[in-house]
Amino acid sequence: ARPPPPTHAAHRAPPTVPMVDAQTTEKIEAYAFRALVAHMRERADVSNIDQMNLAGFCRNCLAKWYLVGARKNGDAAMRYDDALERVYGEPYGDWKKKHQTKATDAQMESFEKNKHLHAKHDEAALRDPPPPAAAAAAAPSEKIP
């Protein structure tokens, strides 16, 4: 049996690799992320299910990581659809109409067989915030004397 996949913290360079300052490291990582997104946009011929079956993550996973990153860095208003559009380069529904085909039985079988290797996501962190009107209605009102 394969060991569980490493956590995100484990993806940092090992101590034997000389590191630059934190700001430069962040810029390098951001560049790599943008290059990955650009490559995935160019390769619309590669289906999400094939990505999941081969790598354990897909464009939707990337959008979920993007959303959690936005929330952890102060963008509480970002919604999952916004993150999907950042990754796909267009609204997700439009991309699906142009590029997504029905998964084959073999693809679905592989997907189910390897689910334990798929990227994990914090579902609570992914929930979209309530619309502003609903949030205001849910907030307790203060009585002014």
C-alpha atoms as a PDB file:
ATOM      1  CA  ALA A   1       0.000   0.000   0.000  1.00  0.00           C
ATOM      2  CA  ARG A   2       1.166   3.511  -0.815  1.00  0.00           C
ATOM      3  CA  PRO A   3       1.775   5.927   2.055  1.00  0.00           C
ATOM      4  CA  PRO A   4      -0.747   8.741   2.395  1.00  0.00           C
ATOM      5  CA  PRO A   5      -0.001  11.820   0.327  1.00  0.00           C
ATOM      6  CA  PRO A   6       2.021  14.505   2.114  1.00  0.00           C
ATOM      7  CA  THR A   7       0.314  17.541   3.587  1.00  0.00           C
ATOM      8  CA  HIS A   8       0.760  20.924   1.943  1.00  0.00           C
ATOM      9  CA  ALA A   9       3.385  21.865   4.547  1.00  0.00           C
ATOM     10  CA  ALA A  10       5.444  18.867   3.450  1.00  0.00           C
ATOM     11  CA  HIS A  11       5.708  20.329  -0.056  1.00  0.00           C
ATOM     12  CA  ARG A  12       8.125  23.021   1.082  1.00  0.00           C
ATOM     13  CA  ALA A  13      11.682  22.522  -0.082  1.00  0.00           C
ATOM     14  CA  PRO A  14      13.767  20.277   2.152  1.00  0.00           C
ATOM     15  CA  PRO A  15      16.279  22.045   4.419  1.00  0.00           C
ATOM     16  CA  THR A  16      19.173  20.968   2.164  1.00  0.00           C
ATOM     17  CA  VAL A  17      17.920  23.274  -0.607  1.00  0.00           C
ATOM     18  CA  PRO A  18      19.079  26.854  -0.085  1.00  0.00           C
ATOM     19  CA  MET A  19      16.032  29.051   0.304  1.00  0.00           C
ATOM     20  CA  VAL A  20      15.689  32.677  -0.616  1.00  0.00           C
ATOM     21  CA  ASP A  21      13.755  35.106   1.539  1.00  0.00           C
ATOM     22  CA  ALA A  22      10.037  34.491   2.152  1.00  0.00           C
ATOM     23  CA  GLN A  23       8.890  37.249  -0.209  1.00  0.00           C
ATOM     24  CA  THR A  24      10.942  35.883  -3.111  1.00  0.00           C
ATOM     25  CA  THR A  25       9.799  32.333  -2.336  1.00  0.00           C
ATOM     26  CA  GLU A  26       6.186  33.514  -2.476  1.00  0.00           C
ATOM     27  CA  LYS A  27       6.793  35.198  -5.843  1.00  0.00           C
ATOM     28  CA  ILE A  28       8.384  32.016  -7.205  1.00  0.00           C
ATOM     29  CA  GLU A  29       5.472  29.904  -5.994  1.00  0.00           C
ATOM     30  CA  ALA A  30       2.970  32.381  -7.465  1.00  0.00           C
ATOM     31  CA  TYR A  31       4.775  32.213 -10.813  1.00  0.00           C
ATOM     32  CA  ALA A  32       4.655  28.406 -10.751  1.00  0.00           C
ATOM     33  CA  PHE A  33       0.938  28.498  -9.917  1.00  0.00           C
ATOM     34  CA  ARG A  34       0.181  30.904 -12.779  1.00  0.00           C
ATOM     35  CA  ALA A  35       2.194  28.734 -15.176  1.00  0.00           C
ATOM     36  CA  LEU A  36       0.269  25.634 -14.056  1.00  0.00           C
ATOM     37  CA  VAL A  37      -3.078  27.400 -14.529  1.00  0.00           C
ATOM     38  CA  ALA A  38      -2.031  28.658 -17.982  1.00  0.00           C
ATOM     39  CA  HIS A  39      -0.921  25.172 -18.991  1.00  0.00           C
ATOM     40  CA  MET A  40      -4.175  23.622 -17.778  1.00  0.00           C
ATOM     41  CA  ARG A  41      -6.174  26.228 -19.720  1.00  0.00           C
ATOM     42  CA  GLU A  42      -4.210  25.384 -22.872  1.00  0.00           C
ATOM     43  CA  ARG A  43      -4.821  21.666 -22.348  1.00  0.00           C
ATOM     44  CA  ALA A  44      -8.619  21.678 -22.320  1.00  0.00           C
ATOM     45  CA  ASP A  45      -8.333  18.383 -24.218  1.00  0.00           C
ATOM     46  CA  VAL A  46      -7.244  16.705 -20.961  1.00  0.00           C
ATOM     47  CA  SER A  47     -10.349  15.928 -18.947  1.00  0.00           C
ATOM     48  CA  ASN A  48     -10.709  16.546 -15.250  1.00  0.00           C
ATOM     49  CA  ILE A  49     -11.481  12.894 -14.616  1.00  0.00           C
ATOM     50  CA  ASP A  50      -8.272  11.849 -16.372  1.00  0.00           C
ATOM     51  CA  GLN A  51      -6.365  14.363 -14.245  1.00  0.00           C
ATOM     52  CA  MET A  52      -7.998  12.933 -11.106  1.00  0.00           C
ATOM     53  CA  ASN A  53      -7.236   9.372 -12.174  1.00  0.00           C
ATOM     54  CA  LEU A  54      -3.604  10.094 -13.021  1.00  0.00           C
ATOM     55  CA  ALA A  55      -2.610  12.824 -10.560  1.00  0.00           C
ATOM     56  CA  GLY A  56      -5.285  12.823  -7.855  1.00  0.00           C
ATOM     57  CA  PHE A  57      -6.249  16.443  -8.514  1.00  0.00           C
ATOM     58  CA  CYS A  58      -7.862  18.472 -11.286  1.00  0.00           C
ATOM     59  CA  ARG A  59      -8.861  22.013 -12.191  1.00  0.00           C
ATOM     60  CA  ASN A  60     -11.680  21.934  -9.636  1.00  0.00           C
ATOM     61  CA  CYS A  61      -9.211  20.985  -6.889  1.00  0.00           C
ATOM     62  CA  LEU A  62      -6.995  23.881  -7.926  1.00  0.00           C
ATOM     63  CA  ALA A  63     -10.009  26.210  -7.708  1.00  0.00           C
ATOM     64  CA  LYS A  64     -10.788  24.879  -4.217  1.00  0.00           C
ATOM     65  CA  TRP A  65      -7.202  25.523  -3.075  1.00  0.00           C
ATOM     66  CA  TYR A  66      -7.406  28.987  -4.629  1.00  0.00           C
ATOM     67  CA  LEU A  67     -10.640  29.696  -2.753  1.00  0.00           C
ATOM     68  CA  VAL A  68      -9.223  28.565   0.591  1.00  0.00           C
ATOM     69  CA  GLY A  69      -6.125  30.684  -0.070  1.00  0.00           C
ATOM     70  CA  ALA A  70      -8.315  33.705  -0.791  1.00  0.00           C
ATOM     71  CA  ARG A  71     -10.298  33.168   2.389  1.00  0.00           C
ATOM     72  CA  LYS A  72      -7.161  32.711   4.498  1.00  0.00           C
ATOM     73  CA  ASN A  73      -5.746  35.923   3.067  1.00  0.00           C
ATOM     74  CA  GLY A  74      -8.681  38.219   3.663  1.00  0.00           C
ATOM     75  CA  ASP A  75     -11.042  37.685   0.712  1.00  0.00           C
ATOM     76  CA  ALA A  76     -14.007  36.289   2.645  1.00  0.00           C
ATOM     77  CA  ALA A  77     -16.409  37.339  -0.113  1.00  0.00           C
ATOM     78  CA  MET A  78     -14.876  35.140  -2.843  1.00  0.00           C
ATOM     79  CA  ARG A  79     -17.233  32.382  -3.945  1.00  0.00           C
ATOM     80  CA  TYR A  80     -16.415  28.982  -5.413  1.00  0.00           C
ATOM     81  CA  ASP A  81     -17.722  30.085  -8.829  1.00  0.00           C
ATOM     82  CA  ASP A  82     -15.254  33.004  -8.738  1.00  0.00           C
ATOM     83  CA  ALA A  83     -12.367  30.637  -7.989  1.00  0.00           C
ATOM     84  CA  LEU A  84     -13.476  28.281 -10.772  1.00  0.00           C
ATOM     85  CA  GLU A  85     -13.466  31.174 -13.224  1.00  0.00           C
ATOM     86  CA  ARG A  86      -9.942  32.160 -12.136  1.00  0.00           C
ATOM     87  CA  VAL A  87      -8.723  28.643 -12.908  1.00  0.00           C
ATOM     88  CA  TYR A  88     -10.759  27.931 -16.051  1.00  0.00           C
ATOM     89  CA  GLY A  89     -10.397  31.437 -17.501  1.00  0.00           C
ATOM     90  CA  GLU A  90     -14.142  31.613 -18.137  1.00  0.00           C
ATOM     91  CA  PRO A  91     -17.342  30.671 -16.309  1.00  0.00           C
ATOM     92  CA  TYR A  92     -17.248  26.980 -15.442  1.00  0.00           C
ATOM     93  CA  GLY A  93     -20.561  26.255 -17.163  1.00  0.00           C
ATOM     94  CA  ASP A  94     -19.247  27.710 -20.427  1.00  0.00           C
ATOM     95  CA  TRP A  95     -16.046  25.642 -20.181  1.00  0.00           C
ATOM     96  CA  LYS A  96     -18.027  22.467 -19.521  1.00  0.00           C
ATOM     97  CA  LYS A  97     -20.255  23.031 -22.559  1.00  0.00           C
ATOM     98  CA  LYS A  98     -17.189  23.478 -24.792  1.00  0.00           C
ATOM     99  CA  HIS A  99     -14.867  20.800 -23.428  1.00  0.00           C
ATOM    100  CA  GLN A 100     -16.389  18.276 -21.029  1.00  0.00           C
ATOM    101  CA  THR A 101     -17.617  14.923 -22.264  1.00  0.00           C
ATOM    102  CA  LYS A 102     -19.358  12.177 -20.326  1.00  0.00           C
ATOM    103  CA  ALA A 103     -16.943   9.990 -18.390  1.00  0.00           C
ATOM    104  CA  THR A 104     -16.604   6.420 -19.618  1.00  0.00           C
ATOM    105  CA  ASP A 105     -17.335   3.447 -17.382  1.00  0.00           C
ATOM    106  CA  ALA A 106     -13.584   2.714 -17.241  1.00  0.00           C
ATOM    107  CA  GLN A 107     -12.812   6.291 -16.148  1.00  0.00           C
ATOM    108  CA  MET A 108     -15.462   6.135 -13.421  1.00  0.00           C
ATOM    109  CA  GLU A 109     -14.204   2.743 -12.234  1.00  0.00           C
ATOM    110  CA  SER A 110     -10.655   4.099 -11.939  1.00  0.00           C
ATOM    111  CA  PHE A 111     -11.964   7.229 -10.197  1.00  0.00           C
ATOM    112  CA  GLU A 112     -13.787   5.189  -7.555  1.00  0.00           C
ATOM    113  CA  LYS A 113     -10.917   2.714  -7.118  1.00  0.00           C
ATOM    114  CA  ASN A 114      -8.399   5.485  -6.447  1.00  0.00           C
ATOM    115  CA  LYS A 115     -10.568   7.881  -4.435  1.00  0.00           C
ATOM    116  CA  HIS A 116      -8.355   7.382  -1.404  1.00  0.00           C
ATOM    117  CA  LEU A 117      -5.493   9.002  -3.359  1.00  0.00           C
ATOM    118  CA  HIS A 118      -7.474  12.075  -4.424  1.00  0.00           C
ATOM    119  CA  ALA A 119      -6.766  15.538  -3.058  1.00  0.00           C
ATOM    120  CA  LYS A 120      -8.555  16.291   0.188  1.00  0.00           C
ATOM    121  CA  HIS A 121     -10.377  19.549   0.808  1.00  0.00           C
ATOM    122  CA  ASP A 122     -11.707  21.244   3.929  1.00  0.00           C
ATOM    123  CA  GLU A 123     -15.389  21.337   2.991  1.00  0.00           C
ATOM    124  CA  ALA A 124     -16.235  23.818   5.776  1.00  0.00           C
ATOM    125  CA  ALA A 125     -13.678  26.269   4.393  1.00  0.00           C
ATOM    126  CA  LEU A 126     -15.208  25.912   0.924  1.00  0.00           C
ATOM    127  CA  ARG A 127     -18.770  26.884   1.828  1.00  0.00           C
ATOM    128  CA  ASP A 128     -19.802  30.080   0.102  1.00  0.00           C
ATOM    129  CA  PRO A 129     -20.656  32.957   2.419  1.00  0.00           C
ATOM    130  CA  PRO A 130     -24.329  33.900   2.636  1.00  0.00           C
ATOM    131  CA  PRO A 131     -25.495  36.667   0.302  1.00  0.00           C
ATOM    132  CA  PRO A 132     -25.137  40.127   1.880  1.00  0.00           C
ATOM    133  CA  ALA A 133     -28.911  40.510   2.410  1.00  0.00           C
ATOM    134  CA  ALA A 134     -29.099  37.153   4.207  1.00  0.00           C
ATOM    135  CA  ALA A 135     -26.071  38.008   6.342  1.00  0.00           C
ATOM    136  CA  ALA A 136     -27.621  41.325   7.370  1.00  0.00           C
ATOM    137  CA  ALA A 137     -30.914  39.621   8.232  1.00  0.00           C
ATOM    138  CA  ALA A 138     -29.083  37.026  10.315  1.00  0.00           C
ATOM    139  CA  ALA A 139     -27.111  39.642  12.256  1.00  0.00           C
ATOM    140  CA  PRO A 140     -28.666  40.707  15.530  1.00  0.00           C
ATOM    141  CA  SER A 141     -30.092  44.182  15.375  1.00  0.00           C
ATOM    142  CA  GLU A 142     -29.102  46.799  17.899  1.00  0.00           C
ATOM    143  CA  LYS A 143     -31.815  48.958  19.366  1.00  0.00           C
ATOM    144  CA  ILE A 144     -30.986  52.613  19.521  1.00  0.00           C
ATOM    145  CA  PRO A 145     -32.339  54.197  22.732  1.00  0.00           C
END
